[in-house]
Amino acid sequence: MKVTSFGDMPCSIARSLDVIGPWWALLIIRDAFMGVRRFRDFEKSLGIAKNTLTSRLNDLTAGGILEKVPDPNGGKHFEYQLTQKGLELFPVIVALSQWGDKWAVHPDGASFEIIDTRDGKPIPQQMIHDRKGKPIPPEHLSQRAGPGTLARRKRARDAGS
């Protein structure tokens, strides 16, 4: 099945999905945050077909989310490690987890909690904060055209003149 690329779309959400890829990718990223490093461990954790896992790992590596690194114990296998680009997806994983714990609840409850290792307590619900660190309620958030949209509008006006 041919998949449409979102890479040229002006929307940053669409372009982000183009890099992150199909939903298996987010589960691989989740597992990488939880310490999974080896192919066989991803396969066991996810119950994913080898060909699908290979494809998703290759996509995430090509997209700069993961990198292959030598086995730290000197073994013949390599491991997958989150890059800085991948590490910066942590708030996305946390937000999806918290949203799911509220709106897609499993009958047994949450499968894991994200805790602050300094005090062992679950982290609070993720919020958008202002420059002073105060939470901003969703009803006080809006959006406006960013530099990319403004540049596209200007090019369109100039082309029409």
C-alpha atoms as a PDB file:
ATOM      1  CA  MET A   1       0.000   0.000   0.000  1.00  0.00           C
ATOM      2  CA  LYS A   2       1.397   3.387  -1.003  1.00  0.00           C
ATOM      3  CA  VAL A   3       1.480   5.883   1.830  1.00  0.00           C
ATOM      4  CA  THR A   4       1.053   9.596   1.180  1.00  0.00           C
ATOM      5  CA  SER A   5       3.943  11.738   2.366  1.00  0.00           C
ATOM      6  CA  PHE A   6       3.133  14.731   4.539  1.00  0.00           C
ATOM      7  CA  GLY A   7       6.718  16.053   4.264  1.00  0.00           C
ATOM      8  CA  ASP A   8       5.824  18.955   1.978  1.00  0.00           C
ATOM      9  CA  MET A   9       2.677  20.022   3.836  1.00  0.00           C
ATOM     10  CA  PRO A  10       2.904  23.389   5.565  1.00  0.00           C
ATOM     11  CA  CYS A  11       1.374  21.994   8.804  1.00  0.00           C
ATOM     12  CA  SER A  12       4.013  21.098  11.403  1.00  0.00           C
ATOM     13  CA  ILE A  13       1.773  18.340  12.817  1.00  0.00           C
ATOM     14  CA  ALA A  14       1.563  16.704   9.384  1.00  0.00           C
ATOM     15  CA  ARG A  15       5.330  17.017   8.822  1.00  0.00           C
ATOM     16  CA  SER A  16       5.984  15.582  12.291  1.00  0.00           C
ATOM     17  CA  LEU A  17       3.810  12.581  11.469  1.00  0.00           C
ATOM     18  CA  ASP A  18       5.795  12.148   8.253  1.00  0.00           C
ATOM     19  CA  VAL A  19       8.973  11.756  10.346  1.00  0.00           C
ATOM     20  CA  ILE A  20       7.488   9.706  13.171  1.00  0.00           C
ATOM     21  CA  GLY A  21       5.500   7.461  10.859  1.00  0.00           C
ATOM     22  CA  PRO A  22       2.779   4.886  11.534  1.00  0.00           C
ATOM     23  CA  TRP A  23       1.424   4.152  14.994  1.00  0.00           C
ATOM     24  CA  TRP A  24       3.869   1.270  15.524  1.00  0.00           C
ATOM     25  CA  ALA A  25       6.605   3.892  15.559  1.00  0.00           C
ATOM     26  CA  LEU A  26       5.196   5.640  18.635  1.00  0.00           C
ATOM     27  CA  LEU A  27       5.091   2.308  20.466  1.00  0.00           C
ATOM     28  CA  ILE A  28       8.717   1.667  19.505  1.00  0.00           C
ATOM     29  CA  ILE A  29       9.624   5.146  20.761  1.00  0.00           C
ATOM     30  CA  ARG A  30       7.683   4.484  23.980  1.00  0.00           C
ATOM     31  CA  ASP A  31       9.621   1.254  24.508  1.00  0.00           C
ATOM     32  CA  ALA A  32      12.926   3.012  23.798  1.00  0.00           C
ATOM     33  CA  PHE A  33      12.082   5.503  26.557  1.00  0.00           C
ATOM     34  CA  MET A  34      11.416   2.526  28.842  1.00  0.00           C
ATOM     35  CA  GLY A  35      14.868   1.101  28.153  1.00  0.00           C
ATOM     36  CA  VAL A  36      14.296  -1.319  25.274  1.00  0.00           C
ATOM     37  CA  ARG A  37      17.352  -1.300  22.997  1.00  0.00           C
ATOM     38  CA  ARG A  38      17.548  -4.533  21.012  1.00  0.00           C
ATOM     39  CA  PHE A  39      15.532  -5.775  18.059  1.00  0.00           C
ATOM     40  CA  ARG A  40      14.452  -8.981  19.804  1.00  0.00           C
ATOM     41  CA  ASP A  41      13.326  -7.023  22.868  1.00  0.00           C
ATOM     42  CA  PHE A  42      11.200  -4.654  20.761  1.00  0.00           C
ATOM     43  CA  GLU A  43       9.766  -7.685  18.983  1.00  0.00           C
ATOM     44  CA  LYS A  44       8.937  -9.431  22.272  1.00  0.00           C
ATOM     45  CA  SER A  45       7.491  -6.312  23.924  1.00  0.00           C
ATOM     46  CA  LEU A  46       5.315  -5.305  20.980  1.00  0.00           C
ATOM     47  CA  GLY A  47       4.353  -8.663  19.454  1.00  0.00           C
ATOM     48  CA  ILE A  48       5.149  -7.091  16.094  1.00  0.00           C
ATOM     49  CA  ALA A  49       6.075  -8.975  12.911  1.00  0.00           C
ATOM     50  CA  LYS A  50       9.806  -8.925  12.144  1.00  0.00           C
ATOM     51  CA  ASN A  51       9.353  -7.299   8.736  1.00  0.00           C
ATOM     52  CA  THR A  52       7.162  -4.539  10.176  1.00  0.00           C
ATOM     53  CA  LEU A  53       9.590  -3.943  13.041  1.00  0.00           C
ATOM     54  CA  THR A  54      12.536  -3.841  10.644  1.00  0.00           C
ATOM     55  CA  SER A  55      10.742  -1.301   8.465  1.00  0.00           C
ATOM     56  CA  ARG A  56       9.721   0.918  11.405  1.00  0.00           C
ATOM     57  CA  LEU A  57      13.223   0.815  12.957  1.00  0.00           C
ATOM     58  CA  ASN A  58      14.743   1.700   9.587  1.00  0.00           C
ATOM     59  CA  ASP A  59      12.298   4.600   9.187  1.00  0.00           C
ATOM     60  CA  LEU A  60      12.991   5.900  12.695  1.00  0.00           C
ATOM     61  CA  THR A  61      16.732   5.618  12.126  1.00  0.00           C
ATOM     62  CA  ALA A  62      16.522   7.356   8.735  1.00  0.00           C
ATOM     63  CA  GLY A  63      14.365  10.063  10.330  1.00  0.00           C
ATOM     64  CA  GLY A  64      16.982  10.709  13.005  1.00  0.00           C
ATOM     65  CA  ILE A  65      14.770   9.547  15.900  1.00  0.00           C
ATOM     66  CA  LEU A  66      16.873   6.467  16.692  1.00  0.00           C
ATOM     67  CA  GLU A  67      20.473   5.592  15.956  1.00  0.00           C
ATOM     68  CA  LYS A  68      22.181   2.224  15.784  1.00  0.00           C
ATOM     69  CA  VAL A  69      25.009   1.913  18.278  1.00  0.00           C
ATOM     70  CA  PRO A  70      27.443  -0.950  18.948  1.00  0.00           C
ATOM     71  CA  ASP A  71      26.585  -3.326  21.764  1.00  0.00           C
ATOM     72  CA  PRO A  72      28.145  -1.743  24.869  1.00  0.00           C
ATOM     73  CA  ASN A  73      29.226  -5.243  25.977  1.00  0.00           C
ATOM     74  CA  GLY A  74      31.111  -5.824  22.728  1.00  0.00           C
ATOM     75  CA  GLY A  75      28.601  -8.325  21.328  1.00  0.00           C
ATOM     76  CA  LYS A  76      27.975  -8.802  17.625  1.00  0.00           C
ATOM     77  CA  HIS A  77      24.530  -7.205  17.763  1.00  0.00           C
ATOM     78  CA  PHE A  78      23.854  -3.505  17.847  1.00  0.00           C
ATOM     79  CA  GLU A  79      21.325  -1.536  19.834  1.00  0.00           C
ATOM     80  CA  TYR A  80      18.919   1.271  19.059  1.00  0.00           C
ATOM     81  CA  GLN A  81      19.268   4.456  21.037  1.00  0.00           C
ATOM     82  CA  LEU A  82      17.139   7.594  21.028  1.00  0.00           C
ATOM     83  CA  THR A  83      18.864  10.617  19.505  1.00  0.00           C
ATOM     84  CA  GLN A  84      18.350  14.125  20.855  1.00  0.00           C
ATOM     85  CA  LYS A  85      15.579  14.481  18.270  1.00  0.00           C
ATOM     86  CA  GLY A  86      14.004  11.303  19.647  1.00  0.00           C
ATOM     87  CA  LEU A  87      14.431  12.315  23.281  1.00  0.00           C
ATOM     88  CA  GLU A  88      12.531  15.503  22.564  1.00  0.00           C
ATOM     89  CA  LEU A  89       9.469  13.377  21.736  1.00  0.00           C
ATOM     90  CA  PHE A  90       9.099  12.541  25.443  1.00  0.00           C
ATOM     91  CA  PRO A  91       6.443  15.215  26.071  1.00  0.00           C
ATOM     92  CA  VAL A  92       4.432  13.752  23.167  1.00  0.00           C
ATOM     93  CA  ILE A  93       4.609  10.255  24.682  1.00  0.00           C
ATOM     94  CA  VAL A  94       3.658  11.621  28.120  1.00  0.00           C
ATOM     95  CA  ALA A  95       0.724  13.596  26.689  1.00  0.00           C
ATOM     96  CA  LEU A  96      -0.579  10.565  24.748  1.00  0.00           C
ATOM     97  CA  SER A  97      -0.228   8.378  27.821  1.00  0.00           C
ATOM     98  CA  GLN A  98      -2.035  10.835  30.071  1.00  0.00           C
ATOM     99  CA  TRP A  99      -4.759  11.409  27.488  1.00  0.00           C
ATOM    100  CA  GLY A 100      -5.205   7.640  27.106  1.00  0.00           C
ATOM    101  CA  ASP A 101      -5.366   7.126  30.876  1.00  0.00           C
ATOM    102  CA  LYS A 102      -8.256   9.582  30.939  1.00  0.00           C
ATOM    103  CA  TRP A 103     -10.120   8.900  27.676  1.00  0.00           C
ATOM    104  CA  ALA A 104      -9.154   5.390  26.525  1.00  0.00           C
ATOM    105  CA  VAL A 105      -9.056   3.689  29.913  1.00  0.00           C
ATOM    106  CA  HIS A 106      -8.298  -0.031  30.119  1.00  0.00           C
ATOM    107  CA  PRO A 107     -10.527  -1.919  32.600  1.00  0.00           C
ATOM    108  CA  ASP A 108      -7.429  -2.828  34.650  1.00  0.00           C
ATOM    109  CA  GLY A 109      -6.229   0.771  34.757  1.00  0.00           C
ATOM    110  CA  ALA A 110      -3.015   2.346  33.518  1.00  0.00           C
ATOM    111  CA  SER A 111      -0.221  -0.017  32.474  1.00  0.00           C
ATOM    112  CA  PHE A 112       2.455   2.327  33.816  1.00  0.00           C
ATOM    113  CA  GLU A 113       2.895   5.652  35.542  1.00  0.00           C
ATOM    114  CA  ILE A 114       5.496   8.236  34.711  1.00  0.00           C
ATOM    115  CA  ILE A 115       7.122   9.217  37.972  1.00  0.00           C
ATOM    116  CA  ASP A 116       9.509  11.883  39.160  1.00  0.00           C
ATOM    117  CA  THR A 117      12.512   9.874  40.390  1.00  0.00           C
ATOM    118  CA  ARG A 118      13.355  12.616  42.878  1.00  0.00           C
ATOM    119  CA  ASP A 119      10.268  11.900  44.996  1.00  0.00           C
ATOM    120  CA  GLY A 120       8.800   8.710  43.456  1.00  0.00           C
ATOM    121  CA  LYS A 121       5.451  10.380  42.749  1.00  0.00           C
ATOM    122  CA  PRO A 122       3.549  10.405  39.450  1.00  0.00           C
ATOM    123  CA  ILE A 123       4.080  13.548  37.412  1.00  0.00           C
ATOM    124  CA  PRO A 124       1.139  15.941  37.181  1.00  0.00           C
ATOM    125  CA  GLN A 125      -1.026  16.235  34.095  1.00  0.00           C
ATOM    126  CA  GLN A 126       0.958  17.924  31.340  1.00  0.00           C
ATOM    127  CA  MET A 127      -0.135  21.477  30.729  1.00  0.00           C
ATOM    128  CA  ILE A 128       0.830  24.372  28.507  1.00  0.00           C
ATOM    129  CA  HIS A 129       2.557  27.032  30.622  1.00  0.00           C
ATOM    130  CA  ASP A 130       3.134  30.738  30.168  1.00  0.00           C
ATOM    131  CA  ARG A 131       6.573  32.343  30.338  1.00  0.00           C
ATOM    132  CA  LYS A 132       6.318  32.542  34.137  1.00  0.00           C
ATOM    133  CA  GLY A 133       5.498  28.829  34.491  1.00  0.00           C
ATOM    134  CA  LYS A 134       1.777  29.291  35.202  1.00  0.00           C
ATOM    135  CA  PRO A 135      -0.606  26.837  33.430  1.00  0.00           C
ATOM    136  CA  ILE A 136      -2.657  28.310  30.585  1.00  0.00           C
ATOM    137  CA  PRO A 137      -6.180  26.833  30.321  1.00  0.00           C
ATOM    138  CA  PRO A 138      -7.091  25.635  26.796  1.00  0.00           C
ATOM    139  CA  GLU A 139      -9.813  28.275  26.478  1.00  0.00           C
ATOM    140  CA  HIS A 140      -7.085  30.924  26.703  1.00  0.00           C
ATOM    141  CA  LEU A 141      -5.067  29.467  23.824  1.00  0.00           C
ATOM    142  CA  SER A 142      -5.447  30.393  20.178  1.00  0.00           C
ATOM    143  CA  GLN A 143      -3.382  30.208  17.034  1.00  0.00           C
ATOM    144  CA  ARG A 144      -2.334  32.575  14.312  1.00  0.00           C
ATOM    145  CA  ALA A 145      -0.506  32.329  11.038  1.00  0.00           C
ATOM    146  CA  GLY A 146       3.179  31.593  11.544  1.00  0.00           C
ATOM    147  CA  PRO A 147       6.157  32.719   9.464  1.00  0.00           C
ATOM    148  CA  GLY A 148       5.743  29.849   6.984  1.00  0.00           C
ATOM    149  CA  THR A 149       2.118  30.704   6.258  1.00  0.00           C
ATOM    150  CA  LEU A 150       2.924  34.389   5.938  1.00  0.00           C
ATOM    151  CA  ALA A 151       5.777  33.615   3.497  1.00  0.00           C
ATOM    152  CA  ARG A 152       3.494  31.368   1.384  1.00  0.00           C
ATOM    153  CA  ARG A 153       0.823  34.087   1.291  1.00  0.00           C
ATOM    154  CA  LYS A 154       3.399  36.671   0.191  1.00  0.00           C
ATOM    155  CA  ARG A 155       4.718  34.373  -2.580  1.00  0.00           C
ATOM    156  CA  ALA A 156       1.136  33.776  -3.760  1.00  0.00           C
ATOM    157  CA  ARG A 157       0.434  37.538  -3.823  1.00  0.00           C
ATOM    158  CA  ASP A 158       3.714  38.237  -5.646  1.00  0.00           C
ATOM    159  CA  ALA A 159       3.019  35.502  -8.194  1.00  0.00           C
ATOM    160  CA  GLY A 160      -0.422  36.972  -8.854  1.00  0.00           C
ATOM    161  CA  SER A 161       0.892  40.486  -9.472  1.00  0.00           C
END
